[in-house]
Amino acid sequence: SALDPEMVGEVLEVMKELAEEGMTMAVVTHEMKFAQEIGDRLIFMDEGLIVEEGTPQQIFTEPSNARTRSFLTRVMQ
């Protein structure tokens, strides 16, 4: 969160390597491309409540919740 852009990339790369090695992680992120690439199961929260969960494929290509659709439309442009 308070990392400079260069450091964010380095941290995400280490996390990607750990995921590829089979490490289980619970990650809270606004980095949607990272979540889409690395996640097995995603949870989308709004105002502290889970409003949608599923695979990256489900969440990013056919979100069922209007808030999820709205958010992804804005951040994935």
PDB file of N, CA and C in Angstrom:
ATOM      1  N   SER A   1       0.815  -1.199   0.000  1.00  0.00           N
ATOM      2  CA  SER A   1       0.000   0.000   0.000  1.00  0.00           C
ATOM      3  C   SER A   1       0.852   1.254   0.000  1.00  0.00           C
ATOM      4  N   ALA A   2       1.847   1.320   0.856  1.00  0.00           N
ATOM      5  CA  ALA A   2       2.692   2.507   0.905  1.00  0.00           C
ATOM      6  C   ALA A   2       3.994   2.286   0.143  1.00  0.00           C
ATOM      7  N   LEU A   3       4.009   1.307  -0.735  1.00  0.00           N
ATOM      8  CA  LEU A   3       5.215   1.012  -1.501  1.00  0.00           C
ATOM      9  C   LEU A   3       5.254   1.858  -2.762  1.00  0.00           C
ATOM     10  N   ASP A   4       6.471   2.227  -3.163  1.00  0.00           N
ATOM     11  CA  ASP A   4       6.584   2.934  -4.432  1.00  0.00           C
ATOM     12  C   ASP A   4       6.353   1.936  -5.563  1.00  0.00           C
ATOM     13  N   PRO A   5       6.003   2.415  -6.756  1.00  0.00           N
ATOM     14  CA  PRO A   5       5.645   1.508  -7.866  1.00  0.00           C
ATOM     15  C   PRO A   5       6.699   0.445  -8.173  1.00  0.00           C
ATOM     16  N   GLU A   6       7.970   0.805  -8.092  1.00  0.00           N
ATOM     17  CA  GLU A   6       9.029  -0.171  -8.367  1.00  0.00           C
ATOM     18  C   GLU A   6       9.014  -1.288  -7.325  1.00  0.00           C
ATOM     19  N   MET A   7       8.839  -0.917  -6.072  1.00  0.00           N
ATOM     20  CA  MET A   7       8.824  -1.902  -4.996  1.00  0.00           C
ATOM     21  C   MET A   7       7.591  -2.799  -5.088  1.00  0.00           C
ATOM     22  N   VAL A   8       6.455  -2.255  -5.489  1.00  0.00           N
ATOM     23  CA  VAL A   8       5.239  -3.053  -5.661  1.00  0.00           C
ATOM     24  C   VAL A   8       5.505  -4.186  -6.643  1.00  0.00           C
ATOM     25  N   GLY A   9       6.137  -3.866  -7.766  1.00  0.00           N
ATOM     26  CA  GLY A   9       6.452  -4.884  -8.766  1.00  0.00           C
ATOM     27  C   GLY A   9       7.328  -5.987  -8.207  1.00  0.00           C
ATOM     28  N   GLU A  10       8.313  -5.612  -7.404  1.00  0.00           N
ATOM     29  CA  GLU A  10       9.209  -6.601  -6.813  1.00  0.00           C
ATOM     30  C   GLU A  10       8.465  -7.508  -5.829  1.00  0.00           C
ATOM     31  N   VAL A  11       7.626  -6.918  -5.001  1.00  0.00           N
ATOM     32  CA  VAL A  11       6.860  -7.698  -4.026  1.00  0.00           C
ATOM     33  C   VAL A  11       5.909  -8.656  -4.741  1.00  0.00           C
ATOM     34  N   LEU A  12       5.215  -8.171  -5.767  1.00  0.00           N
ATOM     35  CA  LEU A  12       4.292  -9.028  -6.514  1.00  0.00           C
ATOM     36  C   LEU A  12       5.033 -10.171  -7.197  1.00  0.00           C
ATOM     37  N   GLU A  13       6.231  -9.915  -7.682  1.00  0.00           N
ATOM     38  CA  GLU A  13       7.017 -10.966  -8.333  1.00  0.00           C
ATOM     39  C   GLU A  13       7.395 -12.058  -7.332  1.00  0.00           C
ATOM     40  N   VAL A  14       7.801 -11.678  -6.130  1.00  0.00           N
ATOM     41  CA  VAL A  14       8.130 -12.666  -5.092  1.00  0.00           C
ATOM     42  C   VAL A  14       6.886 -13.482  -4.736  1.00  0.00           C
ATOM     43  N   MET A  15       5.749 -12.809  -4.604  1.00  0.00           N
ATOM     44  CA  MET A  15       4.507 -13.518  -4.288  1.00  0.00           C
ATOM     45  C   MET A  15       4.121 -14.470  -5.412  1.00  0.00           C
ATOM     46  N   LYS A  16       4.333 -14.063  -6.646  1.00  0.00           N
ATOM     47  CA  LYS A  16       4.046 -14.929  -7.794  1.00  0.00           C
ATOM     48  C   LYS A  16       4.917 -16.179  -7.740  1.00  0.00           C
ATOM     49  N   GLU A  17       6.195 -16.005  -7.440  1.00  0.00           N
ATOM     50  CA  GLU A  17       7.106 -17.146  -7.346  1.00  0.00           C
ATOM     51  C   GLU A  17       6.670 -18.101  -6.234  1.00  0.00           C
ATOM     52  N   LEU A  18       6.274 -17.554  -5.095  1.00  0.00           N
ATOM     53  CA  LEU A  18       5.810 -18.396  -3.988  1.00  0.00           C
ATOM     54  C   LEU A  18       4.555 -19.173  -4.375  1.00  0.00           C
ATOM     55  N   ALA A  19       3.633 -18.525  -5.071  1.00  0.00           N
ATOM     56  CA  ALA A  19       2.410 -19.205  -5.525  1.00  0.00           C
ATOM     57  C   ALA A  19       2.747 -20.329  -6.488  1.00  0.00           C
ATOM     58  N   GLU A  20       3.694 -20.085  -7.388  1.00  0.00           N
ATOM     59  CA  GLU A  20       4.096 -21.112  -8.353  1.00  0.00           C
ATOM     60  C   GLU A  20       4.751 -22.301  -7.662  1.00  0.00           C
ATOM     61  N   GLU A  21       5.355 -22.058  -6.486  1.00  0.00           N
ATOM     62  CA  GLU A  21       5.963 -23.136  -5.706  1.00  0.00           C
ATOM     63  C   GLU A  21       4.928 -23.884  -4.870  1.00  0.00           C
ATOM     64  N   GLY A  22       3.676 -23.431  -4.910  1.00  0.00           N
ATOM     65  CA  GLY A  22       2.605 -24.128  -4.219  1.00  0.00           C
ATOM     66  C   GLY A  22       2.212 -23.555  -2.871  1.00  0.00           C
ATOM     67  N   MET A  23       2.771 -22.416  -2.502  1.00  0.00           N
ATOM     68  CA  MET A  23       2.422 -21.820  -1.217  1.00  0.00           C
ATOM     69  C   MET A  23       0.988 -21.291  -1.244  1.00  0.00           C
ATOM     70  N   THR A  24       0.261 -21.579  -0.189  1.00  0.00           N
ATOM     71  CA  THR A  24      -1.089 -21.054  -0.032  1.00  0.00           C
ATOM     72  C   THR A  24      -0.997 -19.675   0.598  1.00  0.00           C
ATOM     73  N   MET A  25      -1.724 -18.726   0.032  1.00  0.00           N
ATOM     74  CA  MET A  25      -1.707 -17.361   0.549  1.00  0.00           C
ATOM     75  C   MET A  25      -3.112 -16.791   0.546  1.00  0.00           C
ATOM     76  N   ALA A  26      -3.383 -15.954   1.514  1.00  0.00           N
ATOM     77  CA  ALA A  26      -4.585 -15.122   1.499  1.00  0.00           C
ATOM     78  C   ALA A  26      -4.079 -13.700   1.275  1.00  0.00           C
ATOM     79  N   VAL A  27      -4.435 -13.111   0.151  1.00  0.00           N
ATOM     80  CA  VAL A  27      -3.895 -11.810  -0.245  1.00  0.00           C
ATOM     81  C   VAL A  27      -5.036 -10.819  -0.410  1.00  0.00           C
ATOM     82  N   VAL A  28      -4.895  -9.671   0.201  1.00  0.00           N
ATOM     83  CA  VAL A  28      -5.839  -8.570   0.005  1.00  0.00           C
ATOM     84  C   VAL A  28      -5.139  -7.578  -0.911  1.00  0.00           C
ATOM     85  N   THR A  29      -5.739  -7.304  -2.077  1.00  0.00           N
ATOM     86  CA  THR A  29      -5.059  -6.455  -3.051  1.00  0.00           C
ATOM     87  C   THR A  29      -6.040  -5.660  -3.893  1.00  0.00           C
ATOM     88  N   HIS A  30      -5.543  -4.555  -4.418  1.00  0.00           N
ATOM     89  CA  HIS A  30      -6.264  -3.798  -5.438  1.00  0.00           C
ATOM     90  C   HIS A  30      -5.629  -4.052  -6.804  1.00  0.00           C
ATOM     91  N   GLU A  31      -4.613  -4.899  -6.859  1.00  0.00           N
ATOM     92  CA  GLU A  31      -3.902  -5.227  -8.096  1.00  0.00           C
ATOM     93  C   GLU A  31      -4.681  -6.328  -8.821  1.00  0.00           C
ATOM     94  N   MET A  32      -5.648  -5.933  -9.618  1.00  0.00           N
ATOM     95  CA  MET A  32      -6.572  -6.891 -10.227  1.00  0.00           C
ATOM     96  C   MET A  32      -5.896  -7.821 -11.224  1.00  0.00           C
ATOM     97  N   LYS A  33      -4.961  -7.323 -12.009  1.00  0.00           N
ATOM     98  CA  LYS A  33      -4.272  -8.202 -12.964  1.00  0.00           C
ATOM     99  C   LYS A  33      -3.484  -9.279 -12.216  1.00  0.00           C
ATOM    100  N   PHE A  34      -2.881  -8.912 -11.096  1.00  0.00           N
ATOM    101  CA  PHE A  34      -2.159  -9.868 -10.262  1.00  0.00           C
ATOM    102  C   PHE A  34      -3.124 -10.920  -9.709  1.00  0.00           C
ATOM    103  N   ALA A  35      -4.248 -10.476  -9.171  1.00  0.00           N
ATOM    104  CA  ALA A  35      -5.239 -11.410  -8.623  1.00  0.00           C
ATOM    105  C   ALA A  35      -5.748 -12.360  -9.700  1.00  0.00           C
ATOM    106  N   GLN A  36      -5.980 -11.827 -10.880  1.00  0.00           N
ATOM    107  CA  GLN A  36      -6.484 -12.635 -11.991  1.00  0.00           C
ATOM    108  C   GLN A  36      -5.458 -13.687 -12.403  1.00  0.00           C
ATOM    109  N   GLU A  37      -4.201 -13.308 -12.400  1.00  0.00           N
ATOM    110  CA  GLU A  37      -3.139 -14.215 -12.846  1.00  0.00           C
ATOM    111  C   GLU A  37      -2.788 -15.270 -11.797  1.00  0.00           C
ATOM    112  N   ILE A  38      -2.776 -14.903 -10.536  1.00  0.00           N
ATOM    113  CA  ILE A  38      -2.259 -15.772  -9.485  1.00  0.00           C
ATOM    114  C   ILE A  38      -3.346 -16.521  -8.718  1.00  0.00           C
ATOM    115  N   GLY A  39      -4.509 -15.907  -8.575  1.00  0.00           N
ATOM    116  CA  GLY A  39      -5.532 -16.474  -7.700  1.00  0.00           C
ATOM    117  C   GLY A  39      -6.171 -17.749  -8.223  1.00  0.00           C
ATOM    118  N   ASP A  40      -6.486 -18.640  -7.299  1.00  0.00           N
ATOM    119  CA  ASP A  40      -7.289 -19.827  -7.606  1.00  0.00           C
ATOM    120  C   ASP A  40      -8.756 -19.544  -7.293  1.00  0.00           C
ATOM    121  N   ARG A  41      -8.981 -18.847  -6.185  1.00  0.00           N
ATOM    122  CA  ARG A  41     -10.322 -18.427  -5.759  1.00  0.00           C
ATOM    123  C   ARG A  41     -10.219 -16.955  -5.385  1.00  0.00           C
ATOM    124  N   LEU A  42     -11.183 -16.173  -5.816  1.00  0.00           N
ATOM    125  CA  LEU A  42     -11.201 -14.750  -5.510  1.00  0.00           C
ATOM    126  C   LEU A  42     -12.464 -14.406  -4.736  1.00  0.00           C
ATOM    127  N   ILE A  43     -12.329 -13.444  -3.859  1.00  0.00           N
ATOM    128  CA  ILE A  43     -13.470 -12.904  -3.118  1.00  0.00           C
ATOM    129  C   ILE A  43     -13.488 -11.409  -3.376  1.00  0.00           C
ATOM    130  N   PHE A  44     -14.645 -10.892  -3.747  1.00  0.00           N
ATOM    131  CA  PHE A  44     -14.812  -9.455  -3.942  1.00  0.00           C
ATOM    132  C   PHE A  44     -15.646  -8.941  -2.783  1.00  0.00           C
ATOM    133  N   MET A  45     -15.100  -7.927  -2.098  1.00  0.00           N
ATOM    134  CA  MET A  45     -15.792  -7.361  -0.943  1.00  0.00           C
ATOM    135  C   MET A  45     -16.194  -5.922  -1.222  1.00  0.00           C
ATOM    136  N   ASP A  46     -17.314  -5.525  -0.660  1.00  0.00           N
ATOM    137  CA  ASP A  46     -17.794  -4.152  -0.760  1.00  0.00           C
ATOM    138  C   ASP A  46     -18.311  -3.740   0.613  1.00  0.00           C
ATOM    139  N   GLU A  47     -17.754  -2.676   1.145  1.00  0.00           N
ATOM    140  CA  GLU A  47     -18.126  -2.183   2.474  1.00  0.00           C
ATOM    141  C   GLU A  47     -18.024  -3.272   3.540  1.00  0.00           C
ATOM    142  N   GLY A  48     -16.972  -4.087   3.447  1.00  0.00           N
ATOM    143  CA  GLY A  48     -16.706  -5.112   4.446  1.00  0.00           C
ATOM    144  C   GLY A  48     -17.495  -6.399   4.304  1.00  0.00           C
ATOM    145  N   LEU A  49     -18.304  -6.492   3.272  1.00  0.00           N
ATOM    146  CA  LEU A  49     -19.113  -7.693   3.053  1.00  0.00           C
ATOM    147  C   LEU A  49     -18.672  -8.413   1.789  1.00  0.00           C
ATOM    148  N   ILE A  50     -18.685  -9.738   1.832  1.00  0.00           N
ATOM    149  CA  ILE A  50     -18.400 -10.525   0.635  1.00  0.00           C
ATOM    150  C   ILE A  50     -19.617 -10.436  -0.270  1.00  0.00           C
ATOM    151  N   VAL A  51     -19.414  -9.914  -1.478  1.00  0.00           N
ATOM    152  CA  VAL A  51     -20.534  -9.802  -2.415  1.00  0.00           C
ATOM    153  C   VAL A  51     -20.415 -10.789  -3.570  1.00  0.00           C
ATOM    154  N   GLU A  52     -19.212 -11.365  -3.742  1.00  0.00           N
ATOM    155  CA  GLU A  52     -19.037 -12.340  -4.822  1.00  0.00           C
ATOM    156  C   GLU A  52     -17.780 -13.153  -4.562  1.00  0.00           C
ATOM    157  N   GLU A  53     -17.831 -14.420  -4.920  1.00  0.00           N
ATOM    158  CA  GLU A  53     -16.624 -15.242  -4.875  1.00  0.00           C
ATOM    159  C   GLU A  53     -16.678 -16.271  -5.984  1.00  0.00           C
ATOM    160  N   GLY A  54     -15.489 -16.633  -6.462  1.00  0.00           N
ATOM    161  CA  GLY A  54     -15.412 -17.605  -7.542  1.00  0.00           C
ATOM    162  C   GLY A  54     -14.001 -17.704  -8.074  1.00  0.00           C
ATOM    163  N   THR A  55     -13.866 -18.388  -9.181  1.00  0.00           N
ATOM    164  CA  THR A  55     -12.564 -18.494  -9.834  1.00  0.00           C
ATOM    165  C   THR A  55     -12.262 -17.172 -10.533  1.00  0.00           C
ATOM    166  N   PRO A  56     -11.004 -16.924 -10.870  1.00  0.00           N
ATOM    167  CA  PRO A  56     -10.704 -15.716 -11.638  1.00  0.00           C
ATOM    168  C   PRO A  56     -11.525 -15.641 -12.925  1.00  0.00           C
ATOM    169  N   GLN A  57     -11.692 -16.776 -13.594  1.00  0.00           N
ATOM    170  CA  GLN A  57     -12.487 -16.822 -14.831  1.00  0.00           C
ATOM    171  C   GLN A  57     -13.907 -16.325 -14.576  1.00  0.00           C
ATOM    172  N   GLN A  58     -14.534 -16.830 -13.523  1.00  0.00           N
ATOM    173  CA  GLN A  58     -15.909 -16.423 -13.205  1.00  0.00           C
ATOM    174  C   GLN A  58     -15.990 -14.940 -12.855  1.00  0.00           C
ATOM    175  N   ILE A  59     -15.108 -14.500 -12.004  1.00  0.00           N
ATOM    176  CA  ILE A  59     -15.163 -13.116 -11.523  1.00  0.00           C
ATOM    177  C   ILE A  59     -14.878 -12.124 -12.642  1.00  0.00           C
ATOM    178  N   PHE A  60     -13.871 -12.407 -13.461  1.00  0.00           N
ATOM    179  CA  PHE A  60     -13.452 -11.424 -14.459  1.00  0.00           C
ATOM    180  C   PHE A  60     -14.238 -11.488 -15.763  1.00  0.00           C
ATOM    181  N   THR A  61     -14.842 -12.627 -16.087  1.00  0.00           N
ATOM    182  CA  THR A  61     -15.571 -12.700 -17.360  1.00  0.00           C
ATOM    183  C   THR A  61     -17.083 -12.694 -17.199  1.00  0.00           C
ATOM    184  N   GLU A  62     -17.574 -13.137 -16.050  1.00  0.00           N
ATOM    185  CA  GLU A  62     -19.024 -13.154 -15.861  1.00  0.00           C
ATOM    186  C   GLU A  62     -19.408 -12.859 -14.413  1.00  0.00           C
ATOM    187  N   PRO A  63     -19.011 -11.680 -13.913  1.00  0.00           N
ATOM    188  CA  PRO A  63     -19.378 -11.360 -12.532  1.00  0.00           C
ATOM    189  C   PRO A  63     -20.893 -11.267 -12.389  1.00  0.00           C
ATOM    190  N   SER A  64     -21.406 -11.839 -11.314  1.00  0.00           N
ATOM    191  CA  SER A  64     -22.858 -11.846 -11.123  1.00  0.00           C
ATOM    192  C   SER A  64     -23.350 -10.644 -10.326  1.00  0.00           C
ATOM    193  N   ASN A  65     -22.452  -9.975  -9.633  1.00  0.00           N
ATOM    194  CA  ASN A  65     -22.833  -8.848  -8.792  1.00  0.00           C
ATOM    195  C   ASN A  65     -22.609  -7.524  -9.524  1.00  0.00           C
ATOM    196  N   ALA A  66     -23.576  -6.620  -9.444  1.00  0.00           N
ATOM    197  CA  ALA A  66     -23.486  -5.329 -10.139  1.00  0.00           C
ATOM    198  C   ALA A  66     -22.300  -4.500  -9.651  1.00  0.00           C
ATOM    199  N   ARG A  67     -22.020  -4.533  -8.358  1.00  0.00           N
ATOM    200  CA  ARG A  67     -20.892  -3.762  -7.812  1.00  0.00           C
ATOM    201  C   ARG A  67     -19.577  -4.313  -8.339  1.00  0.00           C
ATOM    202  N   THR A  68     -19.448  -5.621  -8.428  1.00  0.00           N
ATOM    203  CA  THR A  68     -18.243  -6.240  -8.985  1.00  0.00           C
ATOM    204  C   THR A  68     -18.067  -5.817 -10.434  1.00  0.00           C
ATOM    205  N   ARG A  69     -19.136  -5.902 -11.227  1.00  0.00           N
ATOM    206  CA  ARG A  69     -19.074  -5.502 -12.642  1.00  0.00           C
ATOM    207  C   ARG A  69     -18.641  -4.052 -12.782  1.00  0.00           C
ATOM    208  N   SER A  70     -19.229  -3.179 -11.995  1.00  0.00           N
ATOM    209  CA  SER A  70     -18.910  -1.755 -12.059  1.00  0.00           C
ATOM    210  C   SER A  70     -17.444  -1.502 -11.719  1.00  0.00           C
ATOM    211  N   PHE A  71     -16.969  -2.116 -10.654  1.00  0.00           N
ATOM    212  CA  PHE A  71     -15.580  -1.947 -10.236  1.00  0.00           C
ATOM    213  C   PHE A  71     -14.619  -2.443 -11.307  1.00  0.00           C
ATOM    214  N   LEU A  72     -14.841  -3.655 -11.804  1.00  0.00           N
ATOM    215  CA  LEU A  72     -13.937  -4.228 -12.801  1.00  0.00           C
ATOM    216  C   LEU A  72     -13.951  -3.438 -14.100  1.00  0.00           C
ATOM    217  N   THR A  73     -15.102  -2.922 -14.489  1.00  0.00           N
ATOM    218  CA  THR A  73     -15.180  -2.105 -15.702  1.00  0.00           C
ATOM    219  C   THR A  73     -14.273  -0.890 -15.572  1.00  0.00           C
ATOM    220  N   ARG A  74     -14.265  -0.280 -14.398  1.00  0.00           N
ATOM    221  CA  ARG A  74     -13.446   0.918 -14.192  1.00  0.00           C
ATOM    222  C   ARG A  74     -11.961   0.611 -14.078  1.00  0.00           C
ATOM    223  N   VAL A  75     -11.588  -0.438 -13.364  1.00  0.00           N
ATOM    224  CA  VAL A  75     -10.164  -0.668 -13.105  1.00  0.00           C
ATOM    225  C   VAL A  75      -9.461  -1.491 -14.173  1.00  0.00           C
ATOM    226  N   MET A  76     -10.185  -2.207 -15.007  1.00  0.00           N
ATOM    227  CA  MET A  76      -9.539  -3.079 -15.993  1.00  0.00           C
ATOM    228  C   MET A  76      -9.452  -2.438 -17.377  1.00  0.00           C
ATOM    229  N   GLN A  77      -9.693  -1.152 -17.485  1.00  0.00           N
ATOM    230  CA  GLN A  77      -9.623  -0.479 -18.790  1.00  0.00           C
ATOM    231  C   GLN A  77      -8.200  -0.350 -19.256  1.00  0.00           C
TER     232      GLN A  77
END
